[in-house]
Amino acid sequence: IDDKATAVFNGKVFVRKDAQKINAFQSNANVLMSDDASVNSKPELEIYADDVKCSHGSTTGQLDEEAVFYLRARGISEKSARNLVVSAFVNDALEKTENEEILAYIYSLVKERFGWEF
């Protein structure tokens, strides 16, 4: 999330009473690219069953400046180093996507917007 942008995440895992013995995990990860960017994250679990394993989480942090420094020390420009670190973050999230059609669509959007190939 860059510039003065604000990201909003409202997620809910809803487990009906008759949905026993299920596993559910919800995660939201964010990288703030500027001091003016912000995130409002609200993961929720609404569980009516007794025998379930459910969890949720949200993380928000800054760009990994040590990784940027490491790449810069190897002759990569600051802009390229930042793009590599961000693309690695994005790819890590996308690797968990199992639906091939959705994944292809997201990759096409990322390529169009940022010019990144995965």
PDB file of N, CA and C in Angstrom:
ATOM      1  N   ILE A   1       0.873  -1.150   0.000  1.00  0.00           N
ATOM      2  CA  ILE A   1       0.000   0.000   0.000  1.00  0.00           C
ATOM      3  C   ILE A   1       0.920   1.212   0.000  1.00  0.00           C
ATOM      4  N   ASP A   2       0.706   2.087  -0.950  1.00  0.00           N
ATOM      5  CA  ASP A   2       1.653   3.176  -1.159  1.00  0.00           C
ATOM      6  C   ASP A   2       0.953   4.526  -1.116  1.00  0.00           C
ATOM      7  N   ASP A   3       1.762   5.556  -1.131  1.00  0.00           N
ATOM      8  CA  ASP A   3       1.297   6.944  -1.129  1.00  0.00           C
ATOM      9  C   ASP A   3       0.361   7.186   0.060  1.00  0.00           C
ATOM     10  N   LYS A   4      -0.810   7.742  -0.199  1.00  0.00           N
ATOM     11  CA  LYS A   4      -1.777   8.021   0.872  1.00  0.00           C
ATOM     12  C   LYS A   4      -2.945   7.034   0.845  1.00  0.00           C
ATOM     13  N   ALA A   5      -2.714   5.877   0.249  1.00  0.00           N
ATOM     14  CA  ALA A   5      -3.774   4.878   0.096  1.00  0.00           C
ATOM     15  C   ALA A   5      -4.151   4.255   1.435  1.00  0.00           C
ATOM     16  N   THR A   6      -5.405   3.842   1.526  1.00  0.00           N
ATOM     17  CA  THR A   6      -5.899   3.090   2.671  1.00  0.00           C
ATOM     18  C   THR A   6      -6.510   1.797   2.149  1.00  0.00           C
ATOM     19  N   ALA A   7      -6.028   0.678   2.654  1.00  0.00           N
ATOM     20  CA  ALA A   7      -6.590  -0.621   2.289  1.00  0.00           C
ATOM     21  C   ALA A   7      -7.570  -1.042   3.378  1.00  0.00           C
ATOM     22  N   VAL A   8      -8.636  -1.710   2.969  1.00  0.00           N
ATOM     23  CA  VAL A   8      -9.641  -2.188   3.916  1.00  0.00           C
ATOM     24  C   VAL A   8      -9.838  -3.681   3.686  1.00  0.00           C
ATOM     25  N   PHE A   9      -9.728  -4.452   4.761  1.00  0.00           N
ATOM     26  CA  PHE A   9      -9.971  -5.892   4.706  1.00  0.00           C
ATOM     27  C   PHE A   9     -11.033  -6.238   5.734  1.00  0.00           C
ATOM     28  N   ASN A  10     -12.167  -6.728   5.269  1.00  0.00           N
ATOM     29  CA  ASN A  10     -13.224  -7.248   6.130  1.00  0.00           C
ATOM     30  C   ASN A  10     -13.458  -8.687   5.704  1.00  0.00           C
ATOM     31  N   GLY A  11     -12.997  -9.618   6.504  1.00  0.00           N
ATOM     32  CA  GLY A  11     -13.152 -11.026   6.153  1.00  0.00           C
ATOM     33  C   GLY A  11     -13.898 -11.763   7.243  1.00  0.00           C
ATOM     34  N   LYS A  12     -14.705 -12.729   6.847  1.00  0.00           N
ATOM     35  CA  LYS A  12     -15.445 -13.504   7.837  1.00  0.00           C
ATOM     36  C   LYS A  12     -15.455 -14.969   7.434  1.00  0.00           C
ATOM     37  N   VAL A  13     -15.089 -15.813   8.386  1.00  0.00           N
ATOM     38  CA  VAL A  13     -15.272 -17.249   8.248  1.00  0.00           C
ATOM     39  C   VAL A  13     -16.522 -17.583   9.048  1.00  0.00           C
ATOM     40  N   PHE A  14     -17.522 -18.128   8.384  1.00  0.00           N
ATOM     41  CA  PHE A  14     -18.789 -18.478   9.014  1.00  0.00           C
ATOM     42  C   PHE A  14     -18.912 -19.993   9.018  1.00  0.00           C
ATOM     43  N   VAL A  15     -19.056 -20.583  10.204  1.00  0.00           N
ATOM     44  CA  VAL A  15     -19.166 -22.033  10.333  1.00  0.00           C
ATOM     45  C   VAL A  15     -20.534 -22.365  10.922  1.00  0.00           C
ATOM     46  N   ARG A  16     -21.350 -23.049  10.128  1.00  0.00           N
ATOM     47  CA  ARG A  16     -22.686 -23.438  10.585  1.00  0.00           C
ATOM     48  C   ARG A  16     -22.603 -24.517  11.657  1.00  0.00           C
ATOM     49  N   LYS A  17     -23.669 -24.671  12.416  1.00  0.00           N
ATOM     50  CA  LYS A  17     -23.712 -25.639  13.507  1.00  0.00           C
ATOM     51  C   LYS A  17     -23.477 -27.068  13.020  1.00  0.00           C
ATOM     52  N   ASP A  18     -23.965 -27.402  11.828  1.00  0.00           N
ATOM     53  CA  ASP A  18     -23.813 -28.769  11.318  1.00  0.00           C
ATOM     54  C   ASP A  18     -22.490 -28.992  10.575  1.00  0.00           C
ATOM     55  N   ALA A  19     -21.619 -28.031  10.562  1.00  0.00           N
ATOM     56  CA  ALA A  19     -20.323 -28.153   9.867  1.00  0.00           C
ATOM     57  C   ALA A  19     -19.243 -28.566  10.861  1.00  0.00           C
ATOM     58  N   GLN A  20     -19.303 -29.791  11.308  1.00  0.00           N
ATOM     59  CA  GLN A  20     -18.360 -30.311  12.296  1.00  0.00           C
ATOM     60  C   GLN A  20     -17.081 -30.806  11.610  1.00  0.00           C
ATOM     61  N   LYS A  21     -16.017 -30.864  12.382  1.00  0.00           N
ATOM     62  CA  LYS A  21     -14.718 -31.410  11.950  1.00  0.00           C
ATOM     63  C   LYS A  21     -14.137 -30.698  10.727  1.00  0.00           C
ATOM     64  N   ILE A  22     -14.247 -29.391  10.700  1.00  0.00           N
ATOM     65  CA  ILE A  22     -13.645 -28.638   9.596  1.00  0.00           C
ATOM     66  C   ILE A  22     -12.423 -27.875  10.090  1.00  0.00           C
ATOM     67  N   ASN A  23     -11.579 -27.505   9.151  1.00  0.00           N
ATOM     68  CA  ASN A  23     -10.432 -26.641   9.414  1.00  0.00           C
ATOM     69  C   ASN A  23     -10.607 -25.386   8.572  1.00  0.00           C
ATOM     70  N   ALA A  24     -10.403 -24.235   9.182  1.00  0.00           N
ATOM     71  CA  ALA A  24     -10.485 -22.978   8.435  1.00  0.00           C
ATOM     72  C   ALA A  24      -9.416 -22.033   8.954  1.00  0.00           C
ATOM     73  N   PHE A  25      -8.768 -21.345   8.023  1.00  0.00           N
ATOM     74  CA  PHE A  25      -7.752 -20.361   8.398  1.00  0.00           C
ATOM     75  C   PHE A  25      -7.921 -19.148   7.510  1.00  0.00           C
ATOM     76  N   GLN A  26      -7.887 -17.994   8.122  1.00  0.00           N
ATOM     77  CA  GLN A  26      -8.005 -16.737   7.386  1.00  0.00           C
ATOM     78  C   GLN A  26      -6.796 -15.877   7.733  1.00  0.00           C
ATOM     79  N   SER A  27      -6.164 -15.316   6.714  1.00  0.00           N
ATOM     80  CA  SER A  27      -4.978 -14.503   6.940  1.00  0.00           C
ATOM     81  C   SER A  27      -4.993 -13.276   6.038  1.00  0.00           C
ATOM     82  N   ASN A  28      -4.530 -12.167   6.582  1.00  0.00           N
ATOM     83  CA  ASN A  28      -4.412 -10.925   5.823  1.00  0.00           C
ATOM     84  C   ASN A  28      -3.040 -10.337   6.123  1.00  0.00           C
ATOM     85  N   ALA A  29      -2.218 -10.165   5.080  1.00  0.00           N
ATOM     86  CA  ALA A  29      -0.876  -9.606   5.253  1.00  0.00           C
ATOM     87  C   ALA A  29      -0.750  -8.347   4.398  1.00  0.00           C
ATOM     88  N   ASN A  30      -0.130  -7.324   4.956  1.00  0.00           N
ATOM     89  CA  ASN A  30      -0.027  -6.028   4.285  1.00  0.00           C
ATOM     90  C   ASN A  30       1.382  -5.472   4.418  1.00  0.00           C
ATOM     91  N   VAL A  31       1.816  -4.748   3.386  1.00  0.00           N
ATOM     92  CA  VAL A  31       3.091  -4.033   3.433  1.00  0.00           C
ATOM     93  C   VAL A  31       2.804  -2.565   3.173  1.00  0.00           C
ATOM     94  N   LEU A  32       3.190  -1.728   4.115  1.00  0.00           N
ATOM     95  CA  LEU A  32       3.038  -0.283   3.956  1.00  0.00           C
ATOM     96  C   LEU A  32       4.294   0.260   3.291  1.00  0.00           C
ATOM     97  N   MET A  33       4.107   0.902   2.144  1.00  0.00           N
ATOM     98  CA  MET A  33       5.233   1.409   1.369  1.00  0.00           C
ATOM     99  C   MET A  33       5.547   2.875   1.660  1.00  0.00           C
ATOM    100  N   SER A  34       4.668   3.553   2.387  1.00  0.00           N
ATOM    101  CA  SER A  34       4.918   4.951   2.731  1.00  0.00           C
ATOM    102  C   SER A  34       4.367   5.237   4.123  1.00  0.00           C
ATOM    103  N   ASP A  35       4.825   6.336   4.706  1.00  0.00           N
ATOM    104  CA  ASP A  35       4.355   6.727   6.039  1.00  0.00           C
ATOM    105  C   ASP A  35       2.897   7.175   6.032  1.00  0.00           C
ATOM    106  N   ASP A  36       2.389   7.571   4.880  1.00  0.00           N
ATOM    107  CA  ASP A  36       1.011   8.055   4.783  1.00  0.00           C
ATOM    108  C   ASP A  36       0.004   6.954   4.456  1.00  0.00           C
ATOM    109  N   ALA A  37       0.466   5.767   4.130  1.00  0.00           N
ATOM    110  CA  ALA A  37      -0.431   4.653   3.807  1.00  0.00           C
ATOM    111  C   ALA A  37      -0.972   4.037   5.093  1.00  0.00           C
ATOM    112  N   SER A  38      -2.155   3.416   4.996  1.00  0.00           N
ATOM    113  CA  SER A  38      -2.744   2.787   6.180  1.00  0.00           C
ATOM    114  C   SER A  38      -3.578   1.575   5.784  1.00  0.00           C
ATOM    115  N   VAL A  39      -3.864   0.748   6.787  1.00  0.00           N
ATOM    116  CA  VAL A  39      -4.667  -0.455   6.589  1.00  0.00           C
ATOM    117  C   VAL A  39      -5.677  -0.561   7.720  1.00  0.00           C
ATOM    118  N   ASN A  40      -6.906  -0.884   7.365  1.00  0.00           N
ATOM    119  CA  ASN A  40      -7.934  -1.235   8.342  1.00  0.00           C
ATOM    120  C   ASN A  40      -8.266  -2.699   8.100  1.00  0.00           C
ATOM    121  N   SER A  41      -7.881  -3.553   9.043  1.00  0.00           N
ATOM    122  CA  SER A  41      -8.047  -4.991   8.865  1.00  0.00           C
ATOM    123  C   SER A  41      -8.967  -5.541   9.947  1.00  0.00           C
ATOM    124  N   LYS A  42      -9.984  -6.286   9.534  1.00  0.00           N
ATOM    125  CA  LYS A  42     -10.960  -6.831  10.474  1.00  0.00           C
ATOM    126  C   LYS A  42     -11.279  -8.286  10.115  1.00  0.00           C
ATOM    127  N   PRO A  43     -10.393  -9.221  10.475  1.00  0.00           N
ATOM    128  CA  PRO A  43     -10.717 -10.632  10.257  1.00  0.00           C
ATOM    129  C   PRO A  43     -11.687 -11.105  11.344  1.00  0.00           C
ATOM    130  N   GLU A  44     -12.653 -11.927  10.971  1.00  0.00           N
ATOM    131  CA  GLU A  44     -13.649 -12.399  11.936  1.00  0.00           C
ATOM    132  C   GLU A  44     -13.888 -13.894  11.784  1.00  0.00           C
ATOM    133  N   LEU A  45     -14.198 -14.517  12.906  1.00  0.00           N
ATOM    134  CA  LEU A  45     -14.649 -15.900  12.924  1.00  0.00           C
ATOM    135  C   LEU A  45     -16.030 -15.913  13.560  1.00  0.00           C
ATOM    136  N   GLU A  46     -16.988 -16.524  12.889  1.00  0.00           N
ATOM    137  CA  GLU A  46     -18.328 -16.699  13.447  1.00  0.00           C
ATOM    138  C   GLU A  46     -18.608 -18.198  13.403  1.00  0.00           C
ATOM    139  N   ILE A  47     -18.499 -18.829  14.571  1.00  0.00           N
ATOM    140  CA  ILE A  47     -18.505 -20.288  14.644  1.00  0.00           C
ATOM    141  C   ILE A  47     -19.672 -20.764  15.504  1.00  0.00           C
ATOM    142  N   TYR A  48     -20.478 -21.648  14.933  1.00  0.00           N
ATOM    143  CA  TYR A  48     -21.621 -22.220  15.639  1.00  0.00           C
ATOM    144  C   TYR A  48     -21.482 -23.728  15.834  1.00  0.00           C
ATOM    145  N   ALA A  49     -20.374 -24.309  15.403  1.00  0.00           N
ATOM    146  CA  ALA A  49     -20.117 -25.740  15.564  1.00  0.00           C
ATOM    147  C   ALA A  49     -19.160 -25.949  16.732  1.00  0.00           C
ATOM    148  N   ASP A  50     -19.154 -27.176  17.263  1.00  0.00           N
ATOM    149  CA  ASP A  50     -18.319 -27.481  18.429  1.00  0.00           C
ATOM    150  C   ASP A  50     -16.953 -28.060  18.072  1.00  0.00           C
ATOM    151  N   ASP A  51     -16.892 -28.869  17.030  1.00  0.00           N
ATOM    152  CA  ASP A  51     -15.689 -29.632  16.713  1.00  0.00           C
ATOM    153  C   ASP A  51     -15.021 -29.072  15.454  1.00  0.00           C
ATOM    154  N   VAL A  52     -14.322 -27.950  15.610  1.00  0.00           N
ATOM    155  CA  VAL A  52     -13.680 -27.280  14.479  1.00  0.00           C
ATOM    156  C   VAL A  52     -12.287 -26.809  14.878  1.00  0.00           C
ATOM    157  N   LYS A  53     -11.462 -26.565  13.872  1.00  0.00           N
ATOM    158  CA  LYS A  53     -10.168 -25.911  14.066  1.00  0.00           C
ATOM    159  C   LYS A  53     -10.177 -24.680  13.180  1.00  0.00           C
ATOM    160  N   CYS A  54     -10.306 -23.521  13.778  1.00  0.00           N
ATOM    161  CA  CYS A  54     -10.378 -22.276  13.019  1.00  0.00           C
ATOM    162  C   CYS A  54      -9.444 -21.242  13.635  1.00  0.00           C
ATOM    163  N   SER A  55      -8.825 -20.459  12.778  1.00  0.00           N
ATOM    164  CA  SER A  55      -7.976 -19.373  13.268  1.00  0.00           C
ATOM    165  C   SER A  55      -7.965 -18.252  12.243  1.00  0.00           C
ATOM    166  N   HIS A  56      -7.529 -17.098  12.708  1.00  0.00           N
ATOM    167  CA  HIS A  56      -7.403 -15.965  11.792  1.00  0.00           C
ATOM    168  C   HIS A  56      -6.266 -15.070  12.261  1.00  0.00           C
ATOM    169  N   GLY A  57      -5.801 -14.221  11.361  1.00  0.00           N
ATOM    170  CA  GLY A  57      -4.727 -13.317  11.724  1.00  0.00           C
ATOM    171  C   GLY A  57      -4.568 -12.209  10.709  1.00  0.00           C
ATOM    172  N   SER A  58      -3.900 -11.166  11.147  1.00  0.00           N
ATOM    173  CA  SER A  58      -3.624 -10.029  10.273  1.00  0.00           C
ATOM    174  C   SER A  58      -2.268  -9.459  10.654  1.00  0.00           C
ATOM    175  N   THR A  59      -1.451  -9.190   9.652  1.00  0.00           N
ATOM    176  CA  THR A  59      -0.156  -8.560   9.897  1.00  0.00           C
ATOM    177  C   THR A  59       0.002  -7.360   8.974  1.00  0.00           C
ATOM    178  N   THR A  60       0.628  -6.343   9.506  1.00  0.00           N
ATOM    179  CA  THR A  60       0.937  -5.143   8.729  1.00  0.00           C
ATOM    180  C   THR A  60       2.347  -4.718   9.095  1.00  0.00           C
ATOM    181  N   GLY A  61       3.164  -4.476   8.094  1.00  0.00           N
ATOM    182  CA  GLY A  61       4.530  -4.065   8.360  1.00  0.00           C
ATOM    183  C   GLY A  61       5.076  -3.188   7.251  1.00  0.00           C
ATOM    184  N   GLN A  62       6.304  -2.798   7.432  1.00  0.00           N
ATOM    185  CA  GLN A  62       7.008  -1.977   6.452  1.00  0.00           C
ATOM    186  C   GLN A  62       7.741  -2.886   5.468  1.00  0.00           C
ATOM    187  N   LEU A  63       8.189  -2.304   4.393  1.00  0.00           N
ATOM    188  CA  LEU A  63       9.015  -3.025   3.431  1.00  0.00           C
ATOM    189  C   LEU A  63      10.301  -3.464   4.130  1.00  0.00           C
ATOM    190  N   ASP A  64      10.768  -4.664   3.827  1.00  0.00           N
ATOM    191  CA  ASP A  64      11.977  -5.200   4.446  1.00  0.00           C
ATOM    192  C   ASP A  64      13.202  -4.457   3.909  1.00  0.00           C
ATOM    193  N   GLU A  65      13.639  -3.455   4.657  1.00  0.00           N
ATOM    194  CA  GLU A  65      14.759  -2.617   4.215  1.00  0.00           C
ATOM    195  C   GLU A  65      16.077  -3.382   4.191  1.00  0.00           C
ATOM    196  N   GLU A  66      16.211  -4.417   5.034  1.00  0.00           N
ATOM    197  CA  GLU A  66      17.430  -5.231   4.997  1.00  0.00           C
ATOM    198  C   GLU A  66      17.530  -5.989   3.676  1.00  0.00           C
ATOM    199  N   ALA A  67      16.397  -6.487   3.190  1.00  0.00           N
ATOM    200  CA  ALA A  67      16.396  -7.179   1.897  1.00  0.00           C
ATOM    201  C   ALA A  67      16.727  -6.203   0.772  1.00  0.00           C
ATOM    202  N   VAL A  68      16.183  -4.992   0.852  1.00  0.00           N
ATOM    203  CA  VAL A  68      16.493  -3.961  -0.147  1.00  0.00           C
ATOM    204  C   VAL A  68      17.985  -3.641  -0.105  1.00  0.00           C
ATOM    205  N   PHE A  69      18.539  -3.483   1.094  1.00  0.00           N
ATOM    206  CA  PHE A  69      19.965  -3.196   1.255  1.00  0.00           C
ATOM    207  C   PHE A  69      20.815  -4.321   0.663  1.00  0.00           C
ATOM    208  N   TYR A  70      20.443  -5.565   0.948  1.00  0.00           N
ATOM    209  CA  TYR A  70      21.170  -6.726   0.432  1.00  0.00           C
ATOM    210  C   TYR A  70      21.228  -6.687  -1.097  1.00  0.00           C
ATOM    211  N   LEU A  71      20.092  -6.429  -1.724  1.00  0.00           N
ATOM    212  CA  LEU A  71      20.047  -6.368  -3.191  1.00  0.00           C
ATOM    213  C   LEU A  71      20.840  -5.183  -3.735  1.00  0.00           C
ATOM    214  N   ARG A  72      20.755  -4.049  -3.049  1.00  0.00           N
ATOM    215  CA  ARG A  72      21.499  -2.859  -3.489  1.00  0.00           C
ATOM    216  C   ARG A  72      22.996  -3.097  -3.398  1.00  0.00           C
ATOM    217  N   ALA A  73      23.424  -3.842  -2.372  1.00  0.00           N
ATOM    218  CA  ALA A  73      24.848  -4.139  -2.198  1.00  0.00           C
ATOM    219  C   ALA A  73      25.373  -5.025  -3.325  1.00  0.00           C
ATOM    220  N   ARG A  74      24.469  -5.632  -4.069  1.00  0.00           N
ATOM    221  CA  ARG A  74      24.854  -6.477  -5.189  1.00  0.00           C
ATOM    222  C   ARG A  74      24.634  -5.795  -6.528  1.00  0.00           C
ATOM    223  N   GLY A  75      24.530  -4.464  -6.491  1.00  0.00           N
ATOM    224  CA  GLY A  75      24.488  -3.684  -7.721  1.00  0.00           C
ATOM    225  C   GLY A  75      23.109  -3.449  -8.307  1.00  0.00           C
ATOM    226  N   ILE A  76      22.066  -3.810  -7.591  1.00  0.00           N
ATOM    227  CA  ILE A  76      20.700  -3.600  -8.090  1.00  0.00           C
ATOM    228  C   ILE A  76      20.230  -2.221  -7.651  1.00  0.00           C
ATOM    229  N   SER A  77      19.600  -1.498  -8.546  1.00  0.00           N
ATOM    230  CA  SER A  77      19.126  -0.145  -8.218  1.00  0.00           C
ATOM    231  C   SER A  77      18.083  -0.204  -7.101  1.00  0.00           C
ATOM    232  N   GLU A  78      17.899   0.918  -6.418  1.00  0.00           N
ATOM    233  CA  GLU A  78      16.933   0.947  -5.312  1.00  0.00           C
ATOM    234  C   GLU A  78      15.520   0.630  -5.801  1.00  0.00           C
ATOM    235  N   LYS A  79      15.133   1.209  -6.925  1.00  0.00           N
ATOM    236  CA  LYS A  79      13.787   0.958  -7.454  1.00  0.00           C
ATOM    237  C   LYS A  79      13.602  -0.519  -7.789  1.00  0.00           C
ATOM    238  N   SER A  80      14.585  -1.109  -8.460  1.00  0.00           N
ATOM    239  CA  SER A  80      14.495  -2.531  -8.812  1.00  0.00           C
ATOM    240  C   SER A  80      14.503  -3.415  -7.570  1.00  0.00           C
ATOM    241  N   ALA A  81      15.320  -3.054  -6.587  1.00  0.00           N
ATOM    242  CA  ALA A  81      15.377  -3.824  -5.342  1.00  0.00           C
ATOM    243  C   ALA A  81      14.029  -3.787  -4.626  1.00  0.00           C
ATOM    244  N   ARG A  82      13.424  -2.612  -4.549  1.00  0.00           N
ATOM    245  CA  ARG A  82      12.108  -2.490  -3.911  1.00  0.00           C
ATOM    246  C   ARG A  82      11.063  -3.312  -4.672  1.00  0.00           C
ATOM    247  N   ASN A  83      11.103  -3.240  -5.999  1.00  0.00           N
ATOM    248  CA  ASN A  83      10.164  -4.023  -6.803  1.00  0.00           C
ATOM    249  C   ASN A  83      10.342  -5.522  -6.587  1.00  0.00           C
ATOM    250  N   LEU A  84      11.590  -5.979  -6.481  1.00  0.00           N
ATOM    251  CA  LEU A  84      11.846  -7.400  -6.239  1.00  0.00           C
ATOM    252  C   LEU A  84      11.296  -7.848  -4.892  1.00  0.00           C
ATOM    253  N   VAL A  85      11.512  -7.036  -3.861  1.00  0.00           N
ATOM    254  CA  VAL A  85      11.032  -7.392  -2.521  1.00  0.00           C
ATOM    255  C   VAL A  85       9.504  -7.425  -2.496  1.00  0.00           C
ATOM    256  N   VAL A  86       8.876  -6.435  -3.113  1.00  0.00           N
ATOM    257  CA  VAL A  86       7.409  -6.407  -3.153  1.00  0.00           C
ATOM    258  C   VAL A  86       6.869  -7.563  -3.995  1.00  0.00           C
ATOM    259  N   SER A  87       7.492  -7.846  -5.132  1.00  0.00           N
ATOM    260  CA  SER A  87       7.001  -8.945  -5.971  1.00  0.00           C
ATOM    261  C   SER A  87       7.149 -10.291  -5.256  1.00  0.00           C
ATOM    262  N   ALA A  88       8.189 -10.454  -4.447  1.00  0.00           N
ATOM    263  CA  ALA A  88       8.341 -11.685  -3.660  1.00  0.00           C
ATOM    264  C   ALA A  88       7.213 -11.806  -2.636  1.00  0.00           C
ATOM    265  N   PHE A  89       6.851 -10.689  -2.010  1.00  0.00           N
ATOM    266  CA  PHE A  89       5.740 -10.670  -1.050  1.00  0.00           C
ATOM    267  C   PHE A  89       4.437 -11.063  -1.748  1.00  0.00           C
ATOM    268  N   VAL A  90       4.182 -10.468  -2.901  1.00  0.00           N
ATOM    269  CA  VAL A  90       2.961 -10.759  -3.663  1.00  0.00           C
ATOM    270  C   VAL A  90       2.949 -12.224  -4.104  1.00  0.00           C
ATOM    271  N   ASN A  91       4.072 -12.702  -4.622  1.00  0.00           N
ATOM    272  CA  ASN A  91       4.143 -14.083  -5.089  1.00  0.00           C
ATOM    273  C   ASN A  91       3.918 -15.068  -3.951  1.00  0.00           C
ATOM    274  N   ASP A  92       4.430 -14.767  -2.768  1.00  0.00           N
ATOM    275  CA  ASP A  92       4.229 -15.637  -1.613  1.00  0.00           C
ATOM    276  C   ASP A  92       2.738 -15.789  -1.317  1.00  0.00           C
ATOM    277  N   ALA A  93       2.005 -14.700  -1.397  1.00  0.00           N
ATOM    278  CA  ALA A  93       0.557 -14.758  -1.161  1.00  0.00           C
ATOM    279  C   ALA A  93      -0.146 -15.516  -2.279  1.00  0.00           C
ATOM    280  N   LEU A  94       0.259 -15.279  -3.513  1.00  0.00           N
ATOM    281  CA  LEU A  94      -0.420 -15.901  -4.646  1.00  0.00           C
ATOM    282  C   LEU A  94      -0.137 -17.395  -4.760  1.00  0.00           C
ATOM    283  N   GLU A  95       1.006 -17.849  -4.261  1.00  0.00           N
ATOM    284  CA  GLU A  95       1.331 -19.278  -4.310  1.00  0.00           C
ATOM    285  C   GLU A  95       0.299 -20.127  -3.584  1.00  0.00           C
ATOM    286  N   LYS A  96      -0.408 -19.530  -2.636  1.00  0.00           N
ATOM    287  CA  LYS A  96      -1.396 -20.259  -1.842  1.00  0.00           C
ATOM    288  C   LYS A  96      -2.759 -20.336  -2.528  1.00  0.00           C
ATOM    289  N   THR A  97      -2.899 -19.658  -3.663  1.00  0.00           N
ATOM    290  CA  THR A  97      -4.162 -19.659  -4.392  1.00  0.00           C
ATOM    291  C   THR A  97      -4.265 -20.939  -5.215  1.00  0.00           C
ATOM    292  N   GLU A  98      -5.300 -21.725  -4.969  1.00  0.00           N
ATOM    293  CA  GLU A  98      -5.450 -23.013  -5.643  1.00  0.00           C
ATOM    294  C   GLU A  98      -6.276 -22.929  -6.923  1.00  0.00           C
ATOM    295  N   ASN A  99      -7.140 -21.949  -7.055  1.00  0.00           N
ATOM    296  CA  ASN A  99      -7.996 -21.823  -8.228  1.00  0.00           C
ATOM    297  C   ASN A  99      -7.180 -21.230  -9.373  1.00  0.00           C
ATOM    298  N   GLU A 100      -6.927 -22.041 -10.392  1.00  0.00           N
ATOM    299  CA  GLU A 100      -6.054 -21.636 -11.502  1.00  0.00           C
ATOM    300  C   GLU A 100      -6.613 -20.460 -12.297  1.00  0.00           C
ATOM    301  N   GLU A 101      -7.926 -20.403 -12.471  1.00  0.00           N
ATOM    302  CA  GLU A 101      -8.526 -19.295 -13.222  1.00  0.00           C
ATOM    303  C   GLU A 101      -8.346 -17.972 -12.486  1.00  0.00           C
ATOM    304  N   ILE A 102      -8.587 -17.990 -11.191  1.00  0.00           N
ATOM    305  CA  ILE A 102      -8.410 -16.772 -10.392  1.00  0.00           C
ATOM    306  C   ILE A 102      -6.943 -16.370 -10.380  1.00  0.00           C
ATOM    307  N   LEU A 103      -6.063 -17.354 -10.223  1.00  0.00           N
ATOM    308  CA  LEU A 103      -4.629 -17.077 -10.204  1.00  0.00           C
ATOM    309  C   LEU A 103      -4.172 -16.456 -11.520  1.00  0.00           C
ATOM    310  N   ALA A 104      -4.610 -16.998 -12.636  1.00  0.00           N
ATOM    311  CA  ALA A 104      -4.241 -16.448 -13.946  1.00  0.00           C
ATOM    312  C   ALA A 104      -4.748 -15.017 -14.093  1.00  0.00           C
ATOM    313  N   TYR A 105      -5.951 -14.771 -13.616  1.00  0.00           N
ATOM    314  CA  TYR A 105      -6.520 -13.418 -13.683  1.00  0.00           C
ATOM    315  C   TYR A 105      -5.701 -12.440 -12.834  1.00  0.00           C
ATOM    316  N   ILE A 106      -5.356 -12.838 -11.620  1.00  0.00           N
ATOM    317  CA  ILE A 106      -4.567 -11.965 -10.739  1.00  0.00           C
ATOM    318  C   ILE A 106      -3.194 -11.705 -11.345  1.00  0.00           C
ATOM    319  N   TYR A 107      -2.548 -12.762 -11.865  1.00  0.00           N
ATOM    320  CA  TYR A 107      -1.243 -12.580 -12.506  1.00  0.00           C
ATOM    321  C   TYR A 107      -1.332 -11.605 -13.677  1.00  0.00           C
ATOM    322  N   SER A 108      -2.414 -11.679 -14.448  1.00  0.00           N
ATOM    323  CA  SER A 108      -2.555 -10.754 -15.578  1.00  0.00           C
ATOM    324  C   SER A 108      -2.711  -9.317 -15.091  1.00  0.00           C
ATOM    325  N   LEU A 109      -3.434  -9.121 -13.993  1.00  0.00           N
ATOM    326  CA  LEU A 109      -3.577  -7.773 -13.431  1.00  0.00           C
ATOM    327  C   LEU A 109      -2.247  -7.239 -12.911  1.00  0.00           C
ATOM    328  N   VAL A 110      -1.502  -8.101 -12.214  1.00  0.00           N
ATOM    329  CA  VAL A 110      -0.200  -7.695 -11.675  1.00  0.00           C
ATOM    330  C   VAL A 110       0.762  -7.367 -12.815  1.00  0.00           C
ATOM    331  N   LYS A 111       0.753  -8.184 -13.862  1.00  0.00           N
ATOM    332  CA  LYS A 111       1.634  -7.926 -15.011  1.00  0.00           C
ATOM    333  C   LYS A 111       1.264  -6.607 -15.685  1.00  0.00           C
ATOM    334  N   GLU A 112      -0.038  -6.382 -15.866  1.00  0.00           N
ATOM    335  CA  GLU A 112      -0.499  -5.146 -16.508  1.00  0.00           C
ATOM    336  C   GLU A 112      -0.141  -3.918 -15.679  1.00  0.00           C
ATOM    337  N   ARG A 113      -0.329  -4.010 -14.367  1.00  0.00           N
ATOM    338  CA  ARG A 113      -0.116  -2.846 -13.491  1.00  0.00           C
ATOM    339  C   ARG A 113       1.361  -2.577 -13.225  1.00  0.00           C
ATOM    340  N   PHE A 114       2.131  -3.661 -12.964  1.00  0.00           N
ATOM    341  CA  PHE A 114       3.520  -3.502 -12.535  1.00  0.00           C
ATOM    342  C   PHE A 114       4.546  -4.006 -13.540  1.00  0.00           C
ATOM    343  N   GLY A 115       4.107  -4.779 -14.529  1.00  0.00           N
ATOM    344  CA  GLY A 115       5.040  -5.344 -15.493  1.00  0.00           C
ATOM    345  C   GLY A 115       5.803  -6.539 -14.963  1.00  0.00           C
ATOM    346  N   TRP A 116       5.330  -7.134 -13.871  1.00  0.00           N
ATOM    347  CA  TRP A 116       6.020  -8.269 -13.260  1.00  0.00           C
ATOM    348  C   TRP A 116       5.582  -9.571 -13.889  1.00  0.00           C
ATOM    349  N   GLU A 117       6.537 -10.467 -14.071  1.00  0.00           N
ATOM    350  CA  GLU A 117       6.279 -11.837 -14.528  1.00  0.00           C
ATOM    351  C   GLU A 117       6.585 -12.768 -13.367  1.00  0.00           C
ATOM    352  N   PHE A 118       5.744 -13.754 -13.158  1.00  0.00           N
ATOM    353  CA  PHE A 118       5.989 -14.738 -12.094  1.00  0.00           C
ATOM    354  C   PHE A 118       6.242 -16.086 -12.707  1.00  0.00           C
TER     355      PHE A 118
END
